[in-house]
Amino acid sequence: MLNPNPVVEAVPLYDGHHCWIIDDALTEPERWVAKAAAHRAEFAELGVNAYPGPELRLPDGIAAAFSDLFRDQFRHRLGLRRIQRAYTRLSMVTWPADRLEPRQWICHRDRFGLPAHESAAASVLYLFESGRFGGTRFFRPRRPVDEINRLVHDSGVLDAAAFQQKYGIQRGYIEDGNDWFECVANIPARFNRLICYDGTLFHSSDIRRGDPLSDDPAQGRLTLNGFFLCSRAAT
């Protein structure tokens, strides 16, 4: 399933953080696209997170295989130790900009508020034609942490008009950044490319106005996402 001899490349982000890249991650990526298409009716908007499109949770055996890859290739690079929980899912961004809620107008973290001895990591494997859609952007806050935390909180509780009036952020995907976040890196998508990063960093899918978003796995922005809650390595 996974490339037995992966080559890992590093892209620096900021403050010592990196995004780690493996190209040709799957041995038969086309089969994954076909499998997603065969299970198209099982994709659903789960409502448990802010993901702007349908998702399909994958079996534990898939999560175990990606956990092995994470343990062997990324864990030490991210300063992590034991994997406590992991899961994987297939996902497709399908929401147009005018459907987005305020929390989807800004970049996000996969987990925050974790105890000091824990951290979270994430991976994204692009399963769409190279060049059809963008990849993943990483952001650095421009404001003090308490202001950023208030912004994130308000994005989940204020309606669109109130949020826009208070923060001056327009409805839509974040793209190149704004007064609150600086885009420090844009990792291009490539078919069968896997990236891994610290999930507590602000990031966002690179979605542009006019992108041909679709809920057809053979045509849409299909990704295989992994999430890993880990203990930190001793320092």
Protein backbone atom coordinates (compact mmCIF):
# COMPACT_ATOMS: atom_id res chain seq x y z
CA MET A 1 0.00 0.00 0.00
CA LEU A 2 2.66 2.53 1.07
CA ASN A 3 6.00 3.10 -0.63
CA PRO A 4 8.50 0.89 1.26
CA ASN A 5 11.40 3.23 0.45
CA PRO A 6 10.11 6.78 0.91
CA VAL A 7 12.32 9.81 0.43
CA VAL A 8 11.52 12.61 2.90
CA GLU A 9 12.10 16.26 2.01
CA ALA A 10 11.82 19.23 4.37
CA VAL A 11 10.31 22.65 3.70
CA PRO A 12 11.11 25.22 6.43
CA LEU A 13 8.13 27.17 7.79
CA TYR A 14 9.09 29.42 10.74
CA ASP A 15 10.61 29.23 14.22
CA GLY A 16 12.21 25.86 13.49
CA HIS A 17 9.02 24.23 12.20
CA HIS A 18 9.01 22.26 8.96
CA CYS A 19 6.58 20.62 6.59
CA TRP A 20 7.79 17.15 5.61
CA ILE A 21 7.07 15.78 2.13
CA ILE A 22 7.02 12.30 0.60
CA ASP A 23 6.30 12.05 -3.13
CA ASP A 24 5.02 8.77 -4.61
CA ALA A 25 3.68 7.83 -1.18
CA LEU A 26 1.30 5.06 -2.30
CA THR A 27 2.30 2.14 -4.49
CA GLU A 28 -1.05 2.17 -6.35
CA PRO A 29 -2.66 5.58 -5.87
CA GLU A 30 -5.13 5.14 -8.74
CA ARG A 31 -6.74 2.29 -6.83
CA TRP A 32 -7.46 4.66 -3.95
CA VAL A 33 -9.24 7.07 -6.26
CA ALA A 34 -11.25 4.19 -7.72
CA LYS A 35 -12.08 2.94 -4.24
CA ALA A 36 -13.25 6.39 -3.18
CA ALA A 37 -15.45 6.60 -6.29
CA ALA A 38 -16.93 3.18 -5.53
CA HIS A 39 -17.85 4.36 -2.02
CA ARG A 40 -19.03 7.81 -3.09
CA ALA A 41 -22.47 7.35 -1.52
CA GLU A 42 -20.87 6.74 1.89
CA PHE A 43 -19.18 10.15 2.08
CA ALA A 44 -20.99 12.49 4.46
CA GLU A 45 -20.61 15.88 6.10
CA LEU A 46 -19.87 14.70 9.60
CA GLY A 47 -20.64 17.89 11.49
CA VAL A 48 -17.99 17.21 14.14
CA ASN A 49 -15.45 19.66 12.74
CA ALA A 50 -15.32 22.63 10.39
CA TYR A 51 -14.30 20.69 7.29
CA PRO A 52 -16.11 22.23 4.28
CA GLY A 53 -17.19 19.06 2.53
CA PRO A 54 -17.94 15.34 2.84
CA GLU A 55 -15.65 12.83 4.52
CA LEU A 56 -15.33 9.07 4.84
CA ARG A 57 -13.72 7.54 7.92
CA LEU A 58 -11.32 4.73 6.96
CA PRO A 59 -10.90 1.36 8.71
CA ASP A 60 -8.53 1.01 11.64
CA GLY A 61 -6.16 -1.06 9.51
CA ILE A 62 -5.53 1.94 7.26
CA ALA A 63 -4.87 4.15 10.27
CA ALA A 64 -2.44 1.53 11.56
CA ALA A 65 -0.48 1.52 8.29
CA PHE A 66 -0.20 5.31 8.27
CA SER A 67 0.73 5.25 11.95
CA ASP A 68 3.63 2.95 11.08
CA LEU A 69 4.77 5.40 8.40
CA PHE A 70 4.41 8.30 10.83
CA ARG A 71 6.37 6.46 13.53
CA ASP A 72 9.21 5.53 11.16
CA GLN A 73 9.53 8.75 9.15
CA PHE A 74 8.03 11.72 10.98
CA ARG A 75 7.74 11.16 14.71
CA HIS A 76 11.35 11.99 15.56
CA ARG A 77 11.41 14.87 13.09
CA LEU A 78 8.48 16.47 14.91
CA GLY A 79 9.93 15.84 18.37
CA LEU A 80 7.21 13.37 19.32
CA ARG A 81 7.29 10.03 21.09
CA ARG A 82 4.35 7.63 21.45
CA ILE A 83 1.24 7.68 19.25
CA GLN A 84 -1.75 7.69 21.59
CA ARG A 85 -4.54 7.86 19.01
CA ALA A 86 -4.71 7.97 15.23
CA TYR A 87 -7.35 7.96 12.55
CA THR A 88 -7.58 8.48 8.80
CA ARG A 89 -10.30 9.66 6.45
CA LEU A 90 -10.92 10.49 2.81
CA SER A 91 -12.10 14.07 2.31
CA MET A 92 -13.27 16.41 -0.45
CA VAL A 93 -13.57 20.20 -0.20
CA THR A 94 -16.88 21.04 -1.88
CA TRP A 95 -18.30 24.17 -0.24
CA PRO A 96 -18.27 27.37 -2.32
CA ALA A 97 -17.05 30.53 -0.61
CA ASP A 98 -20.56 31.92 -0.10
CA ARG A 99 -21.52 28.90 2.04
CA LEU A 100 -18.65 29.21 4.50
CA GLU A 101 -19.12 30.05 8.18
CA PRO A 102 -16.77 32.55 9.91
CA ARG A 103 -14.60 29.78 11.39
CA GLN A 104 -13.91 28.68 7.80
CA TRP A 105 -12.82 32.17 6.72
CA ILE A 106 -9.59 31.83 8.70
CA CYS A 107 -6.83 29.25 8.90
CA HIS A 108 -7.10 26.64 11.63
CA ARG A 109 -5.24 24.31 13.96
CA ASP A 110 -6.13 20.63 14.14
CA ARG A 111 -5.77 20.60 17.92
CA PHE A 112 -5.06 23.31 20.48
CA GLY A 113 -5.19 23.62 24.23
CA LEU A 114 -3.37 20.31 24.68
CA PRO A 115 -1.41 19.53 27.86
CA ALA A 116 2.29 20.39 27.69
CA HIS A 117 3.26 16.71 27.39
CA GLU A 118 1.04 16.12 24.31
CA SER A 119 0.98 17.36 20.74
CA ALA A 120 -0.84 16.62 17.51
CA ALA A 121 0.43 15.96 14.01
CA ALA A 122 -1.41 15.68 10.72
CA SER A 123 -0.81 14.39 7.23
CA VAL A 124 -2.47 15.08 3.88
CA LEU A 125 -2.11 12.86 0.83
CA TYR A 126 -3.27 14.50 -2.41
CA LEU A 127 -5.28 12.16 -4.65
CA PHE A 128 -6.20 14.52 -7.48
CA GLU A 129 -4.51 15.41 -10.74
CA SER A 130 -1.41 17.57 -10.29
CA GLY A 131 -2.20 21.22 -10.97
CA ARG A 132 -5.98 20.84 -10.74
CA PHE A 133 -6.18 22.29 -7.23
CA GLY A 134 -3.87 23.94 -4.74
CA GLY A 135 -2.11 22.22 -1.87
CA THR A 136 -1.73 23.44 1.71
CA ARG A 137 -0.82 26.86 3.10
CA PHE A 138 0.84 27.55 6.44
CA PHE A 139 0.38 30.75 8.43
CA ARG A 140 2.06 32.66 11.23
CA PRO A 141 -0.09 34.88 13.48
CA ARG A 142 0.49 38.63 13.12
CA ARG A 143 -1.12 39.46 16.48
CA PRO A 144 -0.46 38.50 20.12
CA VAL A 145 -1.68 35.09 21.19
CA ASP A 146 -4.56 36.39 23.32
CA GLU A 147 -5.94 38.37 20.36
CA ILE A 148 -5.63 35.34 18.09
CA ASN A 149 -7.38 33.12 20.63
CA ARG A 150 -10.24 35.63 20.86
CA LEU A 151 -10.53 35.72 17.08
CA VAL A 152 -10.68 31.93 16.89
CA HIS A 153 -13.27 31.80 19.67
CA ASP A 154 -15.44 34.47 18.08
CA SER A 155 -15.29 32.74 14.69
CA GLY A 156 -17.22 29.89 16.25
CA VAL A 157 -19.88 31.94 18.06
CA LEU A 158 -20.53 35.14 16.06
CA ASP A 159 -22.73 35.24 12.99
CA ALA A 160 -21.21 36.24 9.67
CA ALA A 161 -22.20 39.92 9.81
CA ALA A 162 -20.99 40.43 13.38
CA PHE A 163 -17.70 38.63 12.76
CA GLN A 164 -16.98 40.61 9.60
CA GLN A 165 -17.78 43.91 11.29
CA LYS A 166 -15.60 43.15 14.33
CA TYR A 167 -12.55 41.74 12.55
CA GLY A 168 -12.70 43.08 8.99
CA ILE A 169 -12.30 39.60 7.50
CA GLN A 170 -14.23 38.88 4.32
CA ARG A 171 -16.23 35.73 3.65
CA GLY A 172 -14.22 33.14 1.71
CA TYR A 173 -11.18 30.90 1.95
CA ILE A 174 -8.17 32.69 3.39
CA GLU A 175 -5.87 32.39 0.34
CA ASP A 176 -2.86 34.74 0.73
CA GLY A 177 -3.45 35.82 4.34
CA ASN A 178 -4.91 38.92 5.98
CA ASP A 179 -4.24 41.42 8.78
CA TRP A 180 -4.31 38.57 11.29
CA PHE A 181 -2.23 35.87 9.61
CA GLU A 182 0.86 35.90 7.39
CA CYS A 183 1.17 33.11 4.82
CA VAL A 184 4.70 31.73 5.30
CA ALA A 185 4.56 28.76 2.90
CA ASN A 186 2.37 27.30 0.19
CA ILE A 187 3.06 23.61 -0.42
CA PRO A 188 1.97 22.72 -3.96
CA ALA A 189 -0.24 19.69 -4.41
CA ARG A 190 0.99 16.83 -6.54
CA PHE A 191 -0.77 13.56 -7.25
CA ASN A 192 0.34 10.96 -4.68
CA ARG A 193 2.25 13.52 -2.59
CA LEU A 194 1.99 13.18 1.19
CA ILE A 195 2.83 16.00 3.58
CA CYS A 196 3.15 15.82 7.37
CA TYR A 197 3.30 18.69 9.84
CA ASP A 198 2.67 19.86 13.38
CA GLY A 199 -1.11 20.04 13.62
CA THR A 200 -0.95 22.85 16.18
CA LEU A 201 0.34 25.23 13.47
CA PHE A 202 -2.18 27.37 11.62
CA HIS A 203 -2.82 26.04 8.13
CA SER A 204 -5.49 25.84 5.44
CA SER A 205 -6.22 24.09 2.17
CA ASP A 206 -5.22 26.30 -0.75
CA ILE A 207 -8.66 26.90 -2.26
CA ARG A 208 -9.11 29.62 -4.88
CA ARG A 209 -12.26 31.28 -6.16
CA GLY A 210 -13.24 29.49 -9.35
CA ASP A 211 -11.76 26.13 -8.37
CA PRO A 212 -13.95 23.37 -9.90
CA LEU A 213 -14.97 21.88 -6.54
CA SER A 214 -16.92 18.63 -6.90
CA ASP A 215 -18.24 15.78 -4.77
CA ASP A 216 -17.11 13.27 -7.41
CA PRO A 217 -13.93 11.60 -6.09
CA ALA A 218 -12.66 11.18 -9.64
CA GLN A 219 -12.94 14.93 -10.34
CA GLY A 220 -12.85 16.71 -6.99
CA ARG A 221 -10.20 17.70 -4.47
CA LEU A 222 -9.82 14.24 -2.93
CA THR A 223 -7.34 13.84 -0.08
CA LEU A 224 -6.48 11.15 2.43
CA ASN A 225 -6.00 12.83 5.81
CA GLY A 226 -4.28 11.41 8.86
CA PHE A 227 -4.36 12.69 12.44
CA PHE A 228 -2.01 11.60 15.22
CA LEU A 229 -2.26 12.54 18.88
CA CYS A 230 1.14 11.91 20.48
CA SER A 231 3.16 12.39 23.61
CA ARG A 232 6.11 14.73 23.31
CA ALA A 233 9.67 13.47 23.41
CA ALA A 234 11.55 14.22 26.62
CA THR A 235 13.77 17.30 26.51
